[in-house]
N, C-alpha and C. Protein backbone atom coordinates (compact mmCIF):
# COMPACT_ATOMS: atom_id res chain seq x y z
N MET A 1 16.09 25.89 -23.51
CA MET A 1 15.70 24.52 -23.77
C MET A 1 14.20 24.38 -23.45
N GLU A 2 13.50 23.65 -24.30
CA GLU A 2 12.06 23.45 -24.13
C GLU A 2 11.79 22.12 -23.43
N GLY A 3 10.86 22.16 -22.47
CA GLY A 3 10.42 20.94 -21.80
C GLY A 3 9.05 20.55 -22.33
N ARG A 4 8.80 19.25 -22.39
CA ARG A 4 7.52 18.76 -22.89
C ARG A 4 7.20 17.45 -22.17
N THR A 5 5.99 17.36 -21.65
CA THR A 5 5.53 16.11 -21.05
C THR A 5 4.02 16.02 -21.21
N LEU A 6 3.48 14.86 -20.97
CA LEU A 6 2.05 14.62 -21.12
C LEU A 6 1.50 14.14 -19.78
N LEU A 7 0.53 14.88 -19.25
CA LEU A 7 -0.17 14.43 -18.05
C LEU A 7 -1.27 13.48 -18.51
N LYS A 8 -1.47 12.39 -17.78
CA LYS A 8 -2.53 11.44 -18.13
C LYS A 8 -3.28 11.06 -16.86
N CYS A 9 -4.60 11.20 -16.88
CA CYS A 9 -5.43 10.85 -15.73
C CYS A 9 -5.40 9.34 -15.54
N GLY A 10 -5.11 8.92 -14.30
CA GLY A 10 -5.06 7.51 -13.98
C GLY A 10 -6.42 6.84 -13.93
N GLU A 11 -7.49 7.61 -14.02
CA GLU A 11 -8.84 7.05 -13.98
C GLU A 11 -9.47 6.98 -15.37
N CYS A 12 -9.53 8.13 -16.07
CA CYS A 12 -10.26 8.17 -17.34
C CYS A 12 -9.36 8.23 -18.57
N GLY A 13 -8.07 8.47 -18.37
CA GLY A 13 -7.15 8.51 -19.50
C GLY A 13 -7.05 9.87 -20.19
N LEU A 14 -7.76 10.89 -19.68
CA LEU A 14 -7.67 12.24 -20.23
C LEU A 14 -6.21 12.69 -20.22
N THR A 15 -5.78 13.38 -21.26
CA THR A 15 -4.40 13.85 -21.32
C THR A 15 -4.35 15.37 -21.43
N ARG A 16 -3.23 15.92 -20.98
CA ARG A 16 -2.96 17.36 -21.10
C ARG A 16 -1.47 17.52 -21.32
N GLU A 17 -1.10 18.24 -22.38
CA GLU A 17 0.31 18.44 -22.68
C GLU A 17 0.84 19.65 -21.92
N ILE A 18 1.99 19.46 -21.30
CA ILE A 18 2.71 20.53 -20.62
C ILE A 18 3.92 20.83 -21.49
N VAL A 19 4.05 22.09 -21.91
CA VAL A 19 5.14 22.45 -22.81
C VAL A 19 5.56 23.88 -22.55
N GLY A 20 6.87 24.15 -22.68
CA GLY A 20 7.36 25.51 -22.53
C GLY A 20 8.84 25.55 -22.30
N GLU A 21 9.39 26.74 -22.45
CA GLU A 21 10.82 26.94 -22.18
C GLU A 21 11.07 26.74 -20.69
N ILE A 22 12.12 25.98 -20.39
CA ILE A 22 12.49 25.68 -19.00
C ILE A 22 13.30 26.85 -18.46
N PRO A 23 13.06 27.30 -17.25
CA PRO A 23 12.09 26.78 -16.31
C PRO A 23 10.76 27.53 -16.30
N ASP A 24 10.76 28.80 -16.73
CA ASP A 24 9.59 29.65 -16.50
C ASP A 24 8.32 29.21 -17.23
N GLU A 25 8.35 29.11 -18.55
CA GLU A 25 7.15 28.74 -19.30
C GLU A 25 6.67 27.34 -18.94
N TYR A 26 7.60 26.42 -18.76
CA TYR A 26 7.25 25.04 -18.42
C TYR A 26 6.55 24.99 -17.07
N THR A 27 7.08 25.71 -16.10
CA THR A 27 6.47 25.77 -14.76
C THR A 27 5.09 26.41 -14.83
N ARG A 28 4.97 27.50 -15.59
CA ARG A 28 3.67 28.16 -15.74
C ARG A 28 2.65 27.24 -16.41
N SER A 29 3.07 26.47 -17.38
CA SER A 29 2.18 25.54 -18.08
C SER A 29 1.64 24.49 -17.11
N PHE A 30 2.51 23.96 -16.26
CA PHE A 30 2.07 22.98 -15.27
C PHE A 30 1.16 23.64 -14.24
N ASP A 31 1.53 24.84 -13.79
CA ASP A 31 0.71 25.58 -12.82
C ASP A 31 -0.69 25.83 -13.37
N GLU A 32 -0.78 26.16 -14.65
CA GLU A 32 -2.08 26.39 -15.29
C GLU A 32 -2.91 25.09 -15.32
N ALA A 33 -2.27 23.98 -15.61
CA ALA A 33 -2.98 22.70 -15.63
C ALA A 33 -3.54 22.37 -14.25
N VAL A 34 -2.77 22.66 -13.22
CA VAL A 34 -3.22 22.38 -11.85
C VAL A 34 -4.38 23.31 -11.47
N HIS A 35 -4.21 24.60 -11.70
CA HIS A 35 -5.21 25.57 -11.25
C HIS A 35 -6.44 25.66 -12.15
N THR A 36 -6.26 25.52 -13.43
CA THR A 36 -7.39 25.65 -14.35
C THR A 36 -8.14 24.33 -14.53
N ASP A 37 -7.39 23.25 -14.71
CA ASP A 37 -8.02 21.96 -15.00
C ASP A 37 -8.09 21.03 -13.79
N GLY A 38 -7.47 21.41 -12.68
CA GLY A 38 -7.60 20.64 -11.45
C GLY A 38 -6.77 19.38 -11.36
N TRP A 39 -5.67 19.27 -12.09
CA TRP A 39 -4.81 18.08 -12.00
C TRP A 39 -4.17 18.01 -10.62
N VAL A 40 -4.23 16.85 -9.99
CA VAL A 40 -3.63 16.62 -8.67
C VAL A 40 -3.05 15.21 -8.62
N PRO A 41 -2.16 14.94 -7.65
CA PRO A 41 -1.69 13.56 -7.48
C PRO A 41 -2.87 12.66 -7.11
N ARG A 42 -2.90 11.49 -7.68
CA ARG A 42 -3.99 10.54 -7.42
C ARG A 42 -3.91 10.07 -5.96
N PRO A 43 -5.01 10.15 -5.21
CA PRO A 43 -5.00 9.75 -3.80
C PRO A 43 -4.53 8.30 -3.63
N GLY A 44 -3.62 8.10 -2.69
CA GLY A 44 -3.13 6.77 -2.38
C GLY A 44 -2.09 6.23 -3.33
N ALA A 45 -1.74 6.98 -4.36
CA ALA A 45 -0.75 6.50 -5.34
C ALA A 45 0.66 6.62 -4.77
N ASN A 46 1.45 5.59 -4.99
CA ASN A 46 2.83 5.62 -4.54
C ASN A 46 3.76 6.25 -5.56
N SER A 47 3.30 6.40 -6.78
CA SER A 47 4.12 6.99 -7.84
C SER A 47 3.53 8.34 -8.23
N ALA A 48 4.01 8.89 -9.29
CA ALA A 48 3.56 10.21 -9.74
C ALA A 48 2.28 10.12 -10.58
N SER A 49 1.37 9.26 -10.21
CA SER A 49 0.10 9.11 -10.92
C SER A 49 -0.77 10.34 -10.64
N LEU A 50 -1.38 10.87 -11.69
CA LEU A 50 -2.22 12.06 -11.56
C LEU A 50 -3.68 11.72 -11.86
N ILE A 51 -4.56 12.60 -11.43
CA ILE A 51 -5.98 12.44 -11.68
C ILE A 51 -6.56 13.82 -12.01
N CYS A 52 -7.50 13.87 -12.95
CA CYS A 52 -8.11 15.15 -13.33
C CYS A 52 -9.22 15.51 -12.33
N ARG A 53 -9.64 16.76 -12.37
CA ARG A 53 -10.65 17.25 -11.44
C ARG A 53 -11.96 16.46 -11.53
N ASP A 54 -12.43 16.18 -12.75
CA ASP A 54 -13.71 15.47 -12.91
C ASP A 54 -13.67 14.10 -12.26
N CYS A 55 -12.55 13.39 -12.40
CA CYS A 55 -12.44 12.07 -11.80
C CYS A 55 -12.24 12.16 -10.29
N LEU A 56 -11.55 13.21 -9.83
CA LEU A 56 -11.34 13.37 -8.39
C LEU A 56 -12.67 13.57 -7.68
N VAL A 57 -13.57 14.33 -8.30
CA VAL A 57 -14.89 14.56 -7.71
C VAL A 57 -15.64 13.24 -7.51
N LYS A 58 -15.47 12.30 -8.44
CA LYS A 58 -16.16 11.01 -8.38
C LYS A 58 -15.30 9.92 -7.74
N TYR A 59 -14.07 10.26 -7.32
CA TYR A 59 -13.11 9.25 -6.88
C TYR A 59 -13.63 8.46 -5.68
N SER A 60 -13.45 7.17 -5.76
CA SER A 60 -13.83 6.28 -4.67
C SER A 60 -12.70 5.28 -4.49
N GLY A 61 -11.72 5.67 -3.69
CA GLY A 61 -10.58 4.80 -3.44
C GLY A 61 -10.91 3.70 -2.46
N HIS A 62 -9.94 2.86 -2.15
CA HIS A 62 -10.21 1.70 -1.30
C HIS A 62 -10.66 2.09 0.09
N GLU A 63 -10.15 3.19 0.66
CA GLU A 63 -10.61 3.59 1.99
C GLU A 63 -12.08 3.97 1.97
N THR A 64 -12.49 4.69 0.95
CA THR A 64 -13.88 5.11 0.83
C THR A 64 -14.80 3.90 0.63
N VAL A 65 -14.41 2.98 -0.22
CA VAL A 65 -15.22 1.79 -0.49
C VAL A 65 -15.31 0.94 0.77
N ASP A 66 -14.19 0.72 1.44
CA ASP A 66 -14.18 -0.12 2.64
C ASP A 66 -14.99 0.50 3.78
N ASP A 67 -15.04 1.82 3.84
CA ASP A 67 -15.70 2.51 4.95
C ASP A 67 -17.06 3.09 4.58
N GLU A 68 -17.59 2.74 3.43
CA GLU A 68 -18.84 3.36 2.97
C GLU A 68 -19.97 3.20 3.98
N GLU A 69 -20.15 2.02 4.53
CA GLU A 69 -21.24 1.82 5.50
C GLU A 69 -21.03 2.67 6.74
N LYS A 70 -19.80 2.77 7.18
CA LYS A 70 -19.49 3.57 8.37
C LYS A 70 -19.72 5.05 8.09
N VAL A 71 -19.26 5.52 6.93
CA VAL A 71 -19.39 6.93 6.58
C VAL A 71 -20.86 7.32 6.41
N THR A 72 -21.67 6.43 5.87
CA THR A 72 -23.08 6.74 5.65
C THR A 72 -23.97 6.41 6.86
N GLY A 73 -23.37 5.97 7.95
CA GLY A 73 -24.12 5.70 9.18
C GLY A 73 -24.81 4.35 9.23
N LEU A 74 -24.48 3.44 8.31
CA LEU A 74 -25.11 2.13 8.30
C LEU A 74 -24.35 1.11 9.17
N ARG A 75 -23.19 1.50 9.68
CA ARG A 75 -22.41 0.61 10.53
C ARG A 75 -21.77 1.43 11.64
N ASP A 76 -21.70 0.86 12.84
CA ASP A 76 -21.08 1.50 13.99
C ASP A 76 -19.59 1.68 13.71
N PRO A 77 -19.05 2.90 13.77
CA PRO A 77 -17.64 3.11 13.49
C PRO A 77 -16.71 2.40 14.47
N MET A 78 -17.22 2.03 15.63
CA MET A 78 -16.39 1.34 16.62
C MET A 78 -16.42 -0.18 16.44
N ALA A 79 -17.32 -0.67 15.61
CA ALA A 79 -17.41 -2.11 15.36
C ALA A 79 -16.25 -2.56 14.50
N LEU A 80 -15.79 -3.76 14.73
CA LEU A 80 -14.70 -4.30 13.92
C LEU A 80 -15.27 -4.87 12.70
């Protein structure tokens, strides 16, 4: 039996098709997408949302945005 699904980046909308005979080819196809193209679960996502490598490099989630001044040294990390 053949499996087929479409990965879609939650940031830019880039897609990648995963296809192959289950389980071996299908698993290898997904493994290749992860290792070659850098697909990973989207940080902070509660569902199976994925993000591509290019978007992950530029990713700025709510923790990063909220803590930007602290991370860059513009605010005391102990200040409320």
